[in-house]
Structure formats: C-alpha cells, structure tokens
Amino acid sequence: MDVKVYVRQLGGASLARLLAVLRPLLPFAVLERVDDVGFPSSTEPLLPADWPQGRAFGPTMELCWERQGACFHTLLICEQPPAARWAEHLDLSQCEAHRQLYYLWGPGNVALGRELEYRALPPGRGHPQLLVLEYCDPDTGRLVFAREVEMQREGQE
C-alpha cells in the first residue's frame, strides 16, 4: 500500500471546489470552529468558509484543512498521486497500518453542553465510533501518522 501524504496551500474557493469534487469519495467529515463541531451527512456540502478546520474522509483517502491567514493549509492522504501542484510531504508506504477504533462523544454527554448529531451515521443505539488507520514504523512500533477512515456505531463492524 503506497499511501502518501501530500501538502498544498489553497484559497477558500479552490478548497471548496476540491471538496465538492471529492465529496463522493469522502462520505464522513469532522468539522471544527471555535463555537461548534459538526459531523455532517454524506450529502451535505463541506464549506471551508463556515468551517475553518476540518477533515473529510472515506475508505481510500482523507482531506484535512486548517485556515492559516487567507489560505488553507491542506493535506491529502491517498494512494494515487494528486495533480502535479501538490508536494509530497510524507511517504507511508514502508509503515505498518493498524486499524484502531475510537469512541466519540456519546448521547447525553453533559460535558459538552449539548448532544452532538452524527448525521453521517444511521440512527441507532450503538455508541458512535471512529475507525482510524495508524501508520507505525515497523522497526520501532512508533506512530508515524494516522488517518481517519470511517465512522460507525458500536457493534456494526
């Protein structure tokens, strides 16, 4: 698996166009801003103007962004190299990939002051979980990079 991390600075309009094109491959997202966290459904558009930080992900790739001044620092994690204007940042092909499940904030969690809506997940009783691929150095076992792959409800593996 020749997974690589690519990096590029994008303007807001360019990032919005890229997200629109890739959205069918990225059914899950975690969106962040100072006053909110969002978990939109796969049919909702991802608008960097509304969400200065986020990540959209699916089985084959992940796209992460964070506003830095007028531009967005953007990472693309995938097997297929993107357009030539992306710079290779990190080669993960020599790493061992391990699947890891993490629990997300559950229903009724009063610490956040409100209940989070996981609109990308079907309604159900299982606790929301995030599946992450952790890329580790095969010699030391150290974590090199992690990428989000999907969200699910507990018991739906």
C-alpha atoms as a PDB file:
ATOM      1  CA  MET A   1       0.000   0.000   0.000  1.00  0.00           C
ATOM      2  CA  ASP A   2       1.775   3.157  -1.242  1.00  0.00           C
ATOM      3  CA  VAL A   3      -0.031   5.706   0.901  1.00  0.00           C
ATOM      4  CA  LYS A   4       1.483   9.182   0.876  1.00  0.00           C
ATOM      5  CA  VAL A   5       0.674  12.497   2.473  1.00  0.00           C
ATOM      6  CA  TYR A   6       0.602  15.470   0.111  1.00  0.00           C
ATOM      7  CA  VAL A   7       0.510  19.125   1.123  1.00  0.00           C
ATOM      8  CA  ARG A   8      -0.674  22.333  -0.552  1.00  0.00           C
ATOM      9  CA  GLN A   9      -1.853  25.834   0.340  1.00  0.00           C
ATOM     10  CA  LEU A  10      -5.287  26.528  -1.151  1.00  0.00           C
ATOM     11  CA  GLY A  11      -7.577  29.528  -1.260  1.00  0.00           C
ATOM     12  CA  GLY A  12     -11.073  29.096   0.139  1.00  0.00           C
ATOM     13  CA  ALA A  13     -12.755  28.865  -3.280  1.00  0.00           C
ATOM     14  CA  SER A  14     -10.218  26.294  -4.528  1.00  0.00           C
ATOM     15  CA  LEU A  15     -10.660  24.184  -1.408  1.00  0.00           C
ATOM     16  CA  ALA A  16     -14.457  24.359  -1.705  1.00  0.00           C
ATOM     17  CA  ARG A  17     -14.259  23.178  -5.338  1.00  0.00           C
ATOM     18  CA  LEU A  18     -11.906  20.328  -4.406  1.00  0.00           C
ATOM     19  CA  LEU A  19     -14.188  19.222  -1.579  1.00  0.00           C
ATOM     20  CA  ALA A  20     -17.192  19.265  -3.935  1.00  0.00           C
ATOM     21  CA  VAL A  21     -15.363  17.094  -6.494  1.00  0.00           C
ATOM     22  CA  LEU A  22     -14.042  14.618  -3.901  1.00  0.00           C
ATOM     23  CA  ARG A  23     -17.183  14.514  -1.719  1.00  0.00           C
ATOM     24  CA  PRO A  24     -18.499  11.228  -3.234  1.00  0.00           C
ATOM     25  CA  LEU A  25     -15.243   9.560  -2.073  1.00  0.00           C
ATOM     26  CA  LEU A  26     -15.354  11.247   1.332  1.00  0.00           C
ATOM     27  CA  PRO A  27     -18.667  10.290   2.989  1.00  0.00           C
ATOM     28  CA  PHE A  28     -17.579  11.247   6.519  1.00  0.00           C
ATOM     29  CA  ALA A  29     -16.367  14.542   7.950  1.00  0.00           C
ATOM     30  CA  VAL A  30     -15.413  16.174  11.217  1.00  0.00           C
ATOM     31  CA  LEU A  31     -15.762  19.952  11.017  1.00  0.00           C
ATOM     32  CA  GLU A  32     -14.495  22.389  13.630  1.00  0.00           C
ATOM     33  CA  ARG A  33     -14.705  26.033  14.541  1.00  0.00           C
ATOM     34  CA  VAL A  34     -14.369  27.898  17.808  1.00  0.00           C
ATOM     35  CA  ASP A  35     -18.054  27.572  18.717  1.00  0.00           C
ATOM     36  CA  ASP A  36     -19.051  24.233  17.188  1.00  0.00           C
ATOM     37  CA  VAL A  37     -18.128  20.753  15.992  1.00  0.00           C
ATOM     38  CA  GLY A  38     -20.046  19.147  13.131  1.00  0.00           C
ATOM     39  CA  PHE A  39     -20.475  15.625  11.778  1.00  0.00           C
ATOM     40  CA  PRO A  40     -22.430  16.186   8.530  1.00  0.00           C
ATOM     41  CA  SER A  41     -24.203  13.588   6.442  1.00  0.00           C
ATOM     42  CA  SER A  42     -22.569  12.459   3.194  1.00  0.00           C
ATOM     43  CA  THR A  43     -24.968  14.617   1.157  1.00  0.00           C
ATOM     44  CA  GLU A  44     -24.198  17.889   2.948  1.00  0.00           C
ATOM     45  CA  PRO A  45     -21.671  20.196   1.240  1.00  0.00           C
ATOM     46  CA  LEU A  46     -18.458  20.937   3.109  1.00  0.00           C
ATOM     47  CA  LEU A  47     -17.877  24.684   3.163  1.00  0.00           C
ATOM     48  CA  PRO A  48     -14.463  25.885   4.376  1.00  0.00           C
ATOM     49  CA  ALA A  49     -15.858  29.418   4.714  1.00  0.00           C
ATOM     50  CA  ASP A  50     -18.093  28.079   7.524  1.00  0.00           C
ATOM     51  CA  TRP A  51     -15.621  25.561   8.930  1.00  0.00           C
ATOM     52  CA  PRO A  52     -12.029  26.855   9.138  1.00  0.00           C
ATOM     53  CA  GLN A  53     -10.748  23.443  10.199  1.00  0.00           C
ATOM     54  CA  GLY A  54     -11.890  20.009   9.193  1.00  0.00           C
ATOM     55  CA  ARG A  55     -11.274  16.657   7.693  1.00  0.00           C
ATOM     56  CA  ALA A  56     -13.298  14.675   5.187  1.00  0.00           C
ATOM     57  CA  PHE A  57     -12.552  11.001   4.800  1.00  0.00           C
ATOM     58  CA  GLY A  58     -13.509   7.675   3.317  1.00  0.00           C
ATOM     59  CA  PRO A  59     -12.026   4.257   2.621  1.00  0.00           C
ATOM     60  CA  THR A  60      -9.449   5.443   0.060  1.00  0.00           C
ATOM     61  CA  MET A  61      -8.432   8.956   1.136  1.00  0.00           C
ATOM     62  CA  GLU A  62      -8.628  11.780   3.617  1.00  0.00           C
ATOM     63  CA  LEU A  63      -8.507  15.545   3.044  1.00  0.00           C
ATOM     64  CA  CYS A  64      -7.638  17.795   6.015  1.00  0.00           C
ATOM     65  CA  TRP A  65      -7.604  21.579   6.121  1.00  0.00           C
ATOM     66  CA  GLU A  66      -6.892  24.388   8.535  1.00  0.00           C
ATOM     67  CA  ARG A  67      -7.187  28.088   7.845  1.00  0.00           C
ATOM     68  CA  GLN A  68      -3.903  29.971   8.124  1.00  0.00           C
ATOM     69  CA  GLY A  69      -4.453  33.627   7.316  1.00  0.00           C
ATOM     70  CA  ALA A  70      -6.112  33.993   3.917  1.00  0.00           C
ATOM     71  CA  CYS A  71      -5.293  30.420   2.806  1.00  0.00           C
ATOM     72  CA  PHE A  72      -5.894  26.884   3.985  1.00  0.00           C
ATOM     73  CA  HIS A  73      -3.037  24.517   4.823  1.00  0.00           C
ATOM     74  CA  THR A  74      -4.312  21.324   3.192  1.00  0.00           C
ATOM     75  CA  LEU A  75      -3.230  17.682   3.467  1.00  0.00           C
ATOM     76  CA  LEU A  76      -4.341  14.922   1.119  1.00  0.00           C
ATOM     77  CA  ILE A  77      -3.673  11.357   2.253  1.00  0.00           C
ATOM     78  CA  CYS A  78      -4.132   8.806  -0.542  1.00  0.00           C
ATOM     79  CA  GLU A  79      -2.532   6.115  -2.702  1.00  0.00           C
ATOM     80  CA  GLN A  80      -2.914   7.810  -6.072  1.00  0.00           C
ATOM     81  CA  PRO A  81      -0.800  10.959  -6.526  1.00  0.00           C
ATOM     82  CA  PRO A  82      -2.876  14.109  -6.997  1.00  0.00           C
ATOM     83  CA  ALA A  83      -2.269  16.845  -9.570  1.00  0.00           C
ATOM     84  CA  ALA A  84       1.334  17.982 -10.004  1.00  0.00           C
ATOM     85  CA  ARG A  85       0.930  21.103  -7.855  1.00  0.00           C
ATOM     86  CA  TRP A  86       0.754  19.060  -4.635  1.00  0.00           C
ATOM     87  CA  ALA A  87       4.052  18.459  -2.842  1.00  0.00           C
ATOM     88  CA  GLU A  88       4.810  15.059  -1.334  1.00  0.00           C
ATOM     89  CA  HIS A  89       5.094  15.560   2.399  1.00  0.00           C
ATOM     90  CA  LEU A  90       5.402  12.054   3.846  1.00  0.00           C
ATOM     91  CA  ASP A  91       5.703   8.556   2.389  1.00  0.00           C
ATOM     92  CA  LEU A  92       3.871   5.970   4.493  1.00  0.00           C
ATOM     93  CA  SER A  93       4.494   3.002   2.182  1.00  0.00           C
ATOM     94  CA  GLN A  94       7.106   1.442   4.481  1.00  0.00           C
ATOM     95  CA  CYS A  95       4.887   1.732   7.567  1.00  0.00           C
ATOM     96  CA  GLU A  96       2.641  -0.940   9.026  1.00  0.00           C
ATOM     97  CA  ALA A  97      -1.028   0.058   9.048  1.00  0.00           C
ATOM     98  CA  HIS A  98      -3.142  -0.910  12.050  1.00  0.00           C
ATOM     99  CA  ARG A  99      -6.891  -0.414  12.352  1.00  0.00           C
ATOM    100  CA  GLN A 100      -7.982   1.235  15.586  1.00  0.00           C
ATOM    101  CA  LEU A 101     -11.466   2.130  16.804  1.00  0.00           C
ATOM    102  CA  TYR A 102     -12.024   5.177  18.998  1.00  0.00           C
ATOM    103  CA  TYR A 103     -15.219   6.107  20.809  1.00  0.00           C
ATOM    104  CA  LEU A 104     -16.699   9.515  20.019  1.00  0.00           C
ATOM    105  CA  TRP A 105     -18.769  11.672  22.369  1.00  0.00           C
ATOM    106  CA  GLY A 106     -21.892   9.723  23.142  1.00  0.00           C
ATOM    107  CA  PRO A 107     -25.501  10.722  23.563  1.00  0.00           C
ATOM    108  CA  GLY A 108     -26.410  12.626  26.685  1.00  0.00           C
ATOM    109  CA  ASN A 109     -22.863  13.814  27.398  1.00  0.00           C
ATOM    110  CA  VAL A 110     -23.373  16.880  29.589  1.00  0.00           C
ATOM    111  CA  ALA A 111     -19.704  17.919  29.438  1.00  0.00           C
ATOM    112  CA  LEU A 112     -20.287  19.486  26.010  1.00  0.00           C
ATOM    113  CA  GLY A 113     -23.464  21.299  26.999  1.00  0.00           C
ATOM    114  CA  ARG A 114     -25.390  19.733  24.119  1.00  0.00           C
ATOM    115  CA  GLU A 115     -25.819  16.491  22.282  1.00  0.00           C
ATOM    116  CA  LEU A 116     -23.767  16.035  19.121  1.00  0.00           C
ATOM    117  CA  GLU A 117     -25.506  14.997  15.913  1.00  0.00           C
ATOM    118  CA  TYR A 118     -23.686  12.317  13.930  1.00  0.00           C
ATOM    119  CA  ARG A 119     -25.685  12.837  10.737  1.00  0.00           C
ATOM    120  CA  ALA A 120     -23.395  10.589   8.650  1.00  0.00           C
ATOM    121  CA  LEU A 121     -24.425   7.610  10.792  1.00  0.00           C
ATOM    122  CA  PRO A 122     -27.751   5.817  10.564  1.00  0.00           C
ATOM    123  CA  PRO A 123     -29.978   6.305  13.599  1.00  0.00           C
ATOM    124  CA  GLY A 124     -29.375   3.689  16.223  1.00  0.00           C
ATOM    125  CA  ARG A 125     -28.450   2.877  19.748  1.00  0.00           C
ATOM    126  CA  GLY A 126     -24.799   1.949  19.301  1.00  0.00           C
ATOM    127  CA  HIS A 127     -22.170   4.357  20.581  1.00  0.00           C
ATOM    128  CA  PRO A 128     -20.522   6.394  17.754  1.00  0.00           C
ATOM    129  CA  GLN A 129     -17.026   5.219  16.843  1.00  0.00           C
ATOM    130  CA  LEU A 130     -14.253   6.449  14.577  1.00  0.00           C
ATOM    131  CA  LEU A 131     -12.132   3.959  12.614  1.00  0.00           C
ATOM    132  CA  VAL A 132      -8.553   5.172  12.207  1.00  0.00           C
ATOM    133  CA  LEU A 133      -5.640   3.679  10.304  1.00  0.00           C
ATOM    134  CA  GLU A 134      -2.485   4.174  12.352  1.00  0.00           C
ATOM    135  CA  TYR A 135       0.749   4.012  10.364  1.00  0.00           C
ATOM    136  CA  CYS A 136       3.631   2.775  12.540  1.00  0.00           C
ATOM    137  CA  ASP A 137       7.357   2.417  11.971  1.00  0.00           C
ATOM    138  CA  PRO A 138       7.917  -1.353  11.525  1.00  0.00           C
ATOM    139  CA  ASP A 139      11.219  -1.291  13.444  1.00  0.00           C
ATOM    140  CA  THR A 140      10.242   0.747  16.486  1.00  0.00           C
ATOM    141  CA  GLY A 141       6.454   0.460  16.521  1.00  0.00           C
ATOM    142  CA  ARG A 142       6.210   4.255  16.845  1.00  0.00           C
ATOM    143  CA  LEU A 143       3.207   6.014  15.421  1.00  0.00           C
ATOM    144  CA  VAL A 144       4.210   7.966  12.296  1.00  0.00           C
ATOM    145  CA  PHE A 145       0.807   9.197  11.079  1.00  0.00           C
ATOM    146  CA  ALA A 146      -2.890   8.431  11.467  1.00  0.00           C
ATOM    147  CA  ARG A 147      -5.749   8.884   9.045  1.00  0.00           C
ATOM    148  CA  GLU A 148      -9.466   8.652   9.636  1.00  0.00           C
ATOM    149  CA  VAL A 149     -11.301   6.102   7.515  1.00  0.00           C
ATOM    150  CA  GLU A 150     -14.938   5.898   8.610  1.00  0.00           C
ATOM    151  CA  MET A 151     -17.469   6.403  11.368  1.00  0.00           C
ATOM    152  CA  GLN A 152     -19.808   3.694  12.601  1.00  0.00           C
ATOM    153  CA  ARG A 153     -21.982   2.740  15.527  1.00  0.00           C
ATOM    154  CA  GLU A 154     -20.659   0.274  18.072  1.00  0.00           C
ATOM    155  CA  GLY A 155     -21.422  -3.286  17.024  1.00  0.00           C
ATOM    156  CA  GLN A 156     -21.643  -2.523  13.284  1.00  0.00           C
ATOM    157  CA  GLU A 157     -18.173  -3.804  12.276  1.00  0.00           C
END
